[in-house]
Amino acid sequence: MHTNSGKIKIEIFDIQGKLVKEIVYYHFGLGRTERWDFSKLAQGAYIIVIQQLNGVGNSVVKKGTFKVLKIK
């Protein structure tokens, strides 16, 4: 969690690079919990990309990429 405010974009891709889910919201320096239902997704690897964007031109301020495995 960070205290910088701005637009946050979260994308989930399957291992072939197909976008599975995307959400964009404004972060105001407070905590936020996202719950997503993965029960309809197949087992396997997924890539989650989280980006903090500036509010003017939507350029990336910070970016994190994570690999997750769905096992059930």
PDB file of N, CA and C in Angstrom:
ATOM      1  N   MET A   1       0.845  -1.174   0.000  1.00  0.00           N
ATOM      2  CA  MET A   1       0.000   0.000   0.000  1.00  0.00           C
ATOM      3  C   MET A   1       0.895   1.243   0.000  1.00  0.00           C
ATOM      4  N   HIS A   2       0.471   2.258  -0.688  1.00  0.00           N
ATOM      5  CA  HIS A   2       1.200   3.511  -0.700  1.00  0.00           C
ATOM      6  C   HIS A   2       0.241   4.656  -0.411  1.00  0.00           C
ATOM      7  N   THR A   3       0.804   5.793  -0.053  1.00  0.00           N
ATOM      8  CA  THR A   3      -0.038   6.929   0.315  1.00  0.00           C
ATOM      9  C   THR A   3      -0.179   7.942  -0.809  1.00  0.00           C
ATOM     10  N   ASN A   4       0.439   7.704  -1.966  1.00  0.00           N
ATOM     11  CA  ASN A   4       0.304   8.616  -3.101  1.00  0.00           C
ATOM     12  C   ASN A   4      -1.069   8.449  -3.725  1.00  0.00           C
ATOM     13  N   SER A   5      -1.743   9.560  -3.985  1.00  0.00           N
ATOM     14  CA  SER A   5      -3.034   9.458  -4.653  1.00  0.00           C
ATOM     15  C   SER A   5      -2.815   9.435  -6.158  1.00  0.00           C
ATOM     16  N   GLY A   6      -3.793   8.904  -6.876  1.00  0.00           N
ATOM     17  CA  GLY A   6      -3.721   8.829  -8.334  1.00  0.00           C
ATOM     18  C   GLY A   6      -4.582   7.706  -8.865  1.00  0.00           C
ATOM     19  N   LYS A   7      -4.533   7.519 -10.158  1.00  0.00           N
ATOM     20  CA  LYS A   7      -5.320   6.471 -10.806  1.00  0.00           C
ATOM     21  C   LYS A   7      -4.543   5.156 -10.748  1.00  0.00           C
ATOM     22  N   ILE A   8      -5.238   4.074 -10.421  1.00  0.00           N
ATOM     23  CA  ILE A   8      -4.649   2.745 -10.352  1.00  0.00           C
ATOM     24  C   ILE A   8      -5.309   1.863 -11.413  1.00  0.00           C
ATOM     25  N   LYS A   9      -4.489   1.129 -12.152  1.00  0.00           N
ATOM     26  CA  LYS A   9      -4.986   0.202 -13.168  1.00  0.00           C
ATOM     27  C   LYS A   9      -4.433  -1.182 -12.845  1.00  0.00           C
ATOM     28  N   ILE A  10      -5.338  -2.154 -12.715  1.00  0.00           N
ATOM     29  CA  ILE A  10      -4.953  -3.537 -12.435  1.00  0.00           C
ATOM     30  C   ILE A  10      -5.435  -4.404 -13.595  1.00  0.00           C
ATOM     31  N   GLU A  11      -4.510  -5.195 -14.158  1.00  0.00           N
ATOM     32  CA  GLU A  11      -4.860  -6.093 -15.258  1.00  0.00           C
ATOM     33  C   GLU A  11      -4.412  -7.502 -14.916  1.00  0.00           C
ATOM     34  N   ILE A  12      -5.232  -8.480 -15.294  1.00  0.00           N
ATOM     35  CA  ILE A  12      -4.869  -9.885 -15.135  1.00  0.00           C
ATOM     36  C   ILE A  12      -4.849 -10.515 -16.517  1.00  0.00           C
ATOM     37  N   PHE A  13      -3.722 -11.160 -16.828  1.00  0.00           N
ATOM     38  CA  PHE A  13      -3.533 -11.826 -18.115  1.00  0.00           C
ATOM     39  C   PHE A  13      -3.340 -13.320 -17.897  1.00  0.00           C
ATOM     40  N   ASP A  14      -3.843 -14.142 -18.840  1.00  0.00           N
ATOM     41  CA  ASP A  14      -3.503 -15.557 -18.779  1.00  0.00           C
ATOM     42  C   ASP A  14      -2.088 -15.723 -19.332  1.00  0.00           C
ATOM     43  N   ILE A  15      -1.579 -16.934 -19.314  1.00  0.00           N
ATOM     44  CA  ILE A  15      -0.185 -17.173 -19.686  1.00  0.00           C
ATOM     45  C   ILE A  15       0.069 -16.927 -21.175  1.00  0.00           C
ATOM     46  N   GLN A  16      -0.992 -16.938 -21.992  1.00  0.00           N
ATOM     47  CA  GLN A  16      -0.847 -16.631 -23.417  1.00  0.00           C
ATOM     48  C   GLN A  16      -0.880 -15.122 -23.689  1.00  0.00           C
ATOM     49  N   GLY A  17      -1.107 -14.325 -22.642  1.00  0.00           N
ATOM     50  CA  GLY A  17      -1.125 -12.881 -22.794  1.00  0.00           C
ATOM     51  C   GLY A  17      -2.504 -12.283 -23.028  1.00  0.00           C
ATOM     52  N   LYS A  18      -3.553 -13.110 -22.955  1.00  0.00           N
ATOM     53  CA  LYS A  18      -4.927 -12.616 -23.143  1.00  0.00           C
ATOM     54  C   LYS A  18      -5.392 -11.920 -21.864  1.00  0.00           C
ATOM     55  N   LEU A  19      -5.951 -10.716 -22.024  1.00  0.00           N
ATOM     56  CA  LEU A  19      -6.470  -9.969 -20.881  1.00  0.00           C
ATOM     57  C   LEU A  19      -7.708 -10.674 -20.338  1.00  0.00           C
ATOM     58  N   VAL A  20      -7.678 -11.037 -19.066  1.00  0.00           N
ATOM     59  CA  VAL A  20      -8.777 -11.752 -18.418  1.00  0.00           C
ATOM     60  C   VAL A  20      -9.682 -10.781 -17.666  1.00  0.00           C
ATOM     61  N   LYS A  21      -9.083  -9.799 -16.990  1.00  0.00           N
ATOM     62  CA  LYS A  21      -9.859  -8.851 -16.188  1.00  0.00           C
ATOM     63  C   LYS A  21      -9.069  -7.559 -16.054  1.00  0.00           C
ATOM     64  N   GLU A  22      -9.808  -6.445 -15.997  1.00  0.00           N
ATOM     65  CA  GLU A  22      -9.176  -5.141 -15.822  1.00  0.00           C
ATOM     66  C   GLU A  22     -10.062  -4.286 -14.928  1.00  0.00           C
ATOM     67  N   ILE A  23      -9.420  -3.506 -14.076  1.00  0.00           N
ATOM     68  CA  ILE A  23     -10.148  -2.550 -13.254  1.00  0.00           C
ATOM     69  C   ILE A  23      -9.303  -1.286 -13.157  1.00  0.00           C
ATOM     70  N   VAL A  24      -9.956  -0.146 -13.196  1.00  0.00           N
ATOM     71  CA  VAL A  24      -9.304   1.149 -13.031  1.00  0.00           C
ATOM     72  C   VAL A  24     -10.078   1.907 -11.957  1.00  0.00           C
ATOM     73  N   TYR A  25      -9.367   2.461 -10.999  1.00  0.00           N
ATOM     74  CA  TYR A  25     -10.024   3.248  -9.958  1.00  0.00           C
ATOM     75  C   TYR A  25      -9.078   4.340  -9.476  1.00  0.00           C
ATOM     76  N   TYR A  26      -9.626   5.304  -8.762  1.00  0.00           N
ATOM     77  CA  TYR A  26      -8.824   6.378  -8.197  1.00  0.00           C
ATOM     78  C   TYR A  26      -8.462   6.040  -6.761  1.00  0.00           C
ATOM     79  N   HIS A  27      -7.188   6.181  -6.437  1.00  0.00           N
ATOM     80  CA  HIS A  27      -6.661   5.897  -5.110  1.00  0.00           C
ATOM     81  C   HIS A  27      -6.407   7.238  -4.425  1.00  0.00           C
ATOM     82  N   PHE A  28      -6.900   7.388  -3.209  1.00  0.00           N
ATOM     83  CA  PHE A  28      -6.777   8.651  -2.492  1.00  0.00           C
ATOM     84  C   PHE A  28      -5.862   8.540  -1.282  1.00  0.00           C
ATOM     85  N   GLY A  29      -4.931   7.587  -1.304  1.00  0.00           N
ATOM     86  CA  GLY A  29      -3.977   7.447  -0.216  1.00  0.00           C
ATOM     87  C   GLY A  29      -4.490   6.615   0.937  1.00  0.00           C
ATOM     88  N   LEU A  30      -5.656   6.003   0.785  1.00  0.00           N
ATOM     89  CA  LEU A  30      -6.228   5.138   1.814  1.00  0.00           C
ATOM     90  C   LEU A  30      -6.151   3.696   1.349  1.00  0.00           C
ATOM     91  N   GLY A  31      -6.281   2.753   2.249  1.00  0.00           N
ATOM     92  CA  GLY A  31      -6.248   1.340   1.886  1.00  0.00           C
ATOM     93  C   GLY A  31      -7.449   0.938   1.047  1.00  0.00           C
ATOM     94  N   ARG A  32      -7.288  -0.122   0.290  1.00  0.00           N
ATOM     95  CA  ARG A  32      -8.375  -0.649  -0.536  1.00  0.00           C
ATOM     96  C   ARG A  32      -8.138  -2.139  -0.702  1.00  0.00           C
ATOM     97  N   THR A  33      -9.198  -2.908  -0.590  1.00  0.00           N
ATOM     98  CA  THR A  33      -9.133  -4.345  -0.801  1.00  0.00           C
ATOM     99  C   THR A  33      -9.963  -4.703  -2.015  1.00  0.00           C
ATOM    100  N   GLU A  34      -9.385  -5.485  -2.916  1.00  0.00           N
ATOM    101  CA  GLU A  34     -10.096  -5.974  -4.097  1.00  0.00           C
ATOM    102  C   GLU A  34     -10.298  -7.472  -3.936  1.00  0.00           C
ATOM    103  N   ARG A  35     -11.503  -7.932  -4.161  1.00  0.00           N
ATOM    104  CA  ARG A  35     -11.802  -9.362  -4.157  1.00  0.00           C
ATOM    105  C   ARG A  35     -12.348  -9.751  -5.510  1.00  0.00           C
ATOM    106  N   TRP A  36     -11.689 -10.708  -6.129  1.00  0.00           N
ATOM    107  CA  TRP A  36     -12.113 -11.174  -7.440  1.00  0.00           C
ATOM    108  C   TRP A  36     -12.376 -12.660  -7.371  1.00  0.00           C
ATOM    109  N   ASP A  37     -13.394 -13.102  -8.077  1.00  0.00           N
ATOM    110  CA  ASP A  37     -13.762 -14.513  -8.128  1.00  0.00           C
ATOM    111  C   ASP A  37     -12.984 -15.187  -9.260  1.00  0.00           C
ATOM    112  N   PHE A  38     -12.055 -16.060  -8.901  1.00  0.00           N
ATOM    113  CA  PHE A  38     -11.255 -16.787  -9.879  1.00  0.00           C
ATOM    114  C   PHE A  38     -11.798 -18.195 -10.130  1.00  0.00           C
ATOM    115  N   SER A  39     -12.951 -18.514  -9.579  1.00  0.00           N
ATOM    116  CA  SER A  39     -13.457 -19.888  -9.678  1.00  0.00           C
ATOM    117  C   SER A  39     -13.737 -20.320 -11.111  1.00  0.00           C
ATOM    118  N   LYS A  40     -14.033 -19.374 -12.007  1.00  0.00           N
ATOM    119  CA  LYS A  40     -14.322 -19.739 -13.393  1.00  0.00           C
ATOM    120  C   LYS A  40     -13.082 -19.787 -14.272  1.00  0.00           C
ATOM    121  N   LEU A  41     -11.947 -19.420 -13.724  1.00  0.00           N
ATOM    122  CA  LEU A  41     -10.699 -19.481 -14.484  1.00  0.00           C
ATOM    123  C   LEU A  41     -10.069 -20.863 -14.369  1.00  0.00           C
ATOM    124  N   ALA A  42      -9.424 -21.285 -15.419  1.00  0.00           N
ATOM    125  CA  ALA A  42      -8.738 -22.582 -15.420  1.00  0.00           C
ATOM    126  C   ALA A  42      -7.508 -22.528 -14.517  1.00  0.00           C
ATOM    127  N   GLN A  43      -7.092 -23.709 -14.050  1.00  0.00           N
ATOM    128  CA  GLN A  43      -5.844 -23.796 -13.302  1.00  0.00           C
ATOM    129  C   GLN A  43      -4.711 -23.325 -14.194  1.00  0.00           C
ATOM    130  N   GLY A  44      -3.702 -22.742 -13.580  1.00  0.00           N
ATOM    131  CA  GLY A  44      -2.542 -22.320 -14.350  1.00  0.00           C
ATOM    132  C   GLY A  44      -1.956 -21.026 -13.855  1.00  0.00           C
ATOM    133  N   ALA A  45      -1.047 -20.489 -14.653  1.00  0.00           N
ATOM    134  CA  ALA A  45      -0.332 -19.270 -14.303  1.00  0.00           C
ATOM    135  C   ALA A  45      -1.048 -18.051 -14.869  1.00  0.00           C
ATOM    136  N   TYR A  46      -1.030 -16.975 -14.100  1.00  0.00           N
ATOM    137  CA  TYR A  46      -1.601 -15.701 -14.507  1.00  0.00           C
ATOM    138  C   TYR A  46      -0.621 -14.597 -14.137  1.00  0.00           C
ATOM    139  N   ILE A  47      -0.662 -13.524 -14.895  1.00  0.00           N
ATOM    140  CA  ILE A  47       0.182 -12.365 -14.642  1.00  0.00           C
ATOM    141  C   ILE A  47      -0.717 -11.210 -14.203  1.00  0.00           C
ATOM    142  N   ILE A  48      -0.389 -10.597 -13.070  1.00  0.00           N
ATOM    143  CA  ILE A  48      -1.120  -9.423 -12.587  1.00  0.00           C
ATOM    144  C   ILE A  48      -0.199  -8.215 -12.735  1.00  0.00           C
ATOM    145  N   VAL A  49      -0.692  -7.194 -13.420  1.00  0.00           N
ATOM    146  CA  VAL A  49       0.067  -5.960 -13.626  1.00  0.00           C
ATOM    147  C   VAL A  49      -0.684  -4.841 -12.910  1.00  0.00           C
ATOM    148  N   ILE A  50       0.010  -4.161 -11.994  1.00  0.00           N
ATOM    149  CA  ILE A  50      -0.573  -3.045 -11.254  1.00  0.00           C
ATOM    150  C   ILE A  50       0.215  -1.795 -11.616  1.00  0.00           C
ATOM    151  N   GLN A  51      -0.514  -0.771 -12.062  1.00  0.00           N
ATOM    152  CA  GLN A  51       0.137   0.469 -12.473  1.00  0.00           C
ATOM    153  C   GLN A  51      -0.490   1.661 -11.756  1.00  0.00           C
ATOM    154  N   GLN A  52       0.347   2.575 -11.293  1.00  0.00           N
ATOM    155  CA  GLN A  52      -0.133   3.864 -10.811  1.00  0.00           C
ATOM    156  C   GLN A  52       0.078   4.843 -11.950  1.00  0.00           C
ATOM    157  N   LEU A  53      -0.993   5.523 -12.360  1.00  0.00           N
ATOM    158  CA  LEU A  53      -0.949   6.440 -13.486  1.00  0.00           C
ATOM    159  C   LEU A  53      -1.093   7.869 -12.997  1.00  0.00           C
ATOM    160  N   ASN A  54      -0.466   8.805 -13.708  1.00  0.00           N
ATOM    161  CA  ASN A  54      -0.719  10.196 -13.345  1.00  0.00           C
ATOM    162  C   ASN A  54      -2.075  10.588 -13.910  1.00  0.00           C
ATOM    163  N   GLY A  55      -2.702  11.569 -13.341  1.00  0.00           N
ATOM    164  CA  GLY A  55      -4.062  11.925 -13.722  1.00  0.00           C
ATOM    165  C   GLY A  55      -4.196  12.692 -15.020  1.00  0.00           C
ATOM    166  N   VAL A  56      -3.112  13.232 -15.530  1.00  0.00           N
ATOM    167  CA  VAL A  56      -3.201  14.092 -16.704  1.00  0.00           C
ATOM    168  C   VAL A  56      -3.105  13.290 -17.996  1.00  0.00           C
ATOM    169  N   GLY A  57      -1.985  12.650 -18.234  1.00  0.00           N
ATOM    170  CA  GLY A  57      -1.782  11.949 -19.499  1.00  0.00           C
ATOM    171  C   GLY A  57      -1.812  10.442 -19.383  1.00  0.00           C
ATOM    172  N   ASN A  58      -2.150   9.928 -18.201  1.00  0.00           N
ATOM    173  CA  ASN A  58      -2.184   8.490 -17.944  1.00  0.00           C
ATOM    174  C   ASN A  58      -0.842   7.812 -18.164  1.00  0.00           C
ATOM    175  N   SER A  59       0.255   8.543 -17.988  1.00  0.00           N
ATOM    176  CA  SER A  59       1.560   7.893 -18.070  1.00  0.00           C
ATOM    177  C   SER A  59       1.817   7.161 -16.759  1.00  0.00           C
ATOM    178  N   VAL A  60       2.620   6.108 -16.828  1.00  0.00           N
ATOM    179  CA  VAL A  60       2.877   5.236 -15.678  1.00  0.00           C
ATOM    180  C   VAL A  60       3.857   5.908 -14.725  1.00  0.00           C
ATOM    181  N   VAL A  61       3.447   6.005 -13.451  1.00  0.00           N
ATOM    182  CA  VAL A  61       4.296   6.542 -12.395  1.00  0.00           C
ATOM    183  C   VAL A  61       5.049   5.409 -11.716  1.00  0.00           C
ATOM    184  N   LYS A  62       4.327   4.335 -11.374  1.00  0.00           N
ATOM    185  CA  LYS A  62       4.898   3.131 -10.766  1.00  0.00           C
ATOM    186  C   LYS A  62       4.233   1.926 -11.402  1.00  0.00           C
ATOM    187  N   LYS A  63       4.973   0.802 -11.450  1.00  0.00           N
ATOM    188  CA  LYS A  63       4.421  -0.407 -12.047  1.00  0.00           C
ATOM    189  C   LYS A  63       4.987  -1.622 -11.336  1.00  0.00           C
ATOM    190  N   GLY A  64       4.117  -2.597 -11.089  1.00  0.00           N
ATOM    191  CA  GLY A  64       4.543  -3.864 -10.520  1.00  0.00           C
ATOM    192  C   GLY A  64       3.909  -5.000 -11.300  1.00  0.00           C
ATOM    193  N   THR A  65       4.671  -6.049 -11.534  1.00  0.00           N
ATOM    194  CA  THR A  65       4.171  -7.216 -12.261  1.00  0.00           C
ATOM    195  C   THR A  65       4.384  -8.438 -11.382  1.00  0.00           C
ATOM    196  N   PHE A  66       3.333  -9.265 -11.268  1.00  0.00           N
ATOM    197  CA  PHE A  66       3.367 -10.423 -10.386  1.00  0.00           C
ATOM    198  C   PHE A  66       2.853 -11.655 -11.124  1.00  0.00           C
ATOM    199  N   LYS A  67       3.496 -12.775 -10.914  1.00  0.00           N
ATOM    200  CA  LYS A  67       3.045 -14.045 -11.473  1.00  0.00           C
ATOM    201  C   LYS A  67       2.366 -14.821 -10.348  1.00  0.00           C
ATOM    202  N   VAL A  68       1.143 -15.292 -10.594  1.00  0.00           N
ATOM    203  CA  VAL A  68       0.402 -16.064  -9.601  1.00  0.00           C
ATOM    204  C   VAL A  68      -0.018 -17.385 -10.218  1.00  0.00           C
ATOM    205  N   LEU A  69      -0.202 -18.387  -9.401  1.00  0.00           N
ATOM    206  CA  LEU A  69      -0.654 -19.689  -9.852  1.00  0.00           C
ATOM    207  C   LEU A  69      -2.004 -20.008  -9.239  1.00  0.00           C
ATOM    208  N   LYS A  70      -2.948 -20.410 -10.069  1.00  0.00           N
ATOM    209  CA  LYS A  70      -4.234 -20.902  -9.568  1.00  0.00           C
ATOM    210  C   LYS A  70      -4.114 -22.418  -9.545  1.00  0.00           C
ATOM    211  N   ILE A  71      -4.292 -23.003  -8.367  1.00  0.00           N
ATOM    212  CA  ILE A  71      -4.070 -24.439  -8.232  1.00  0.00           C
ATOM    213  C   ILE A  71      -5.349 -25.239  -8.063  1.00  0.00           C
ATOM    214  N   LYS A  72      -6.464 -24.608  -7.816  1.00  0.00           N
ATOM    215  CA  LYS A  72      -7.728 -25.339  -7.685  1.00  0.00           C
ATOM    216  C   LYS A  72      -8.763 -24.755  -8.584  1.00  0.00           C
TER     217      LYS A  72
END
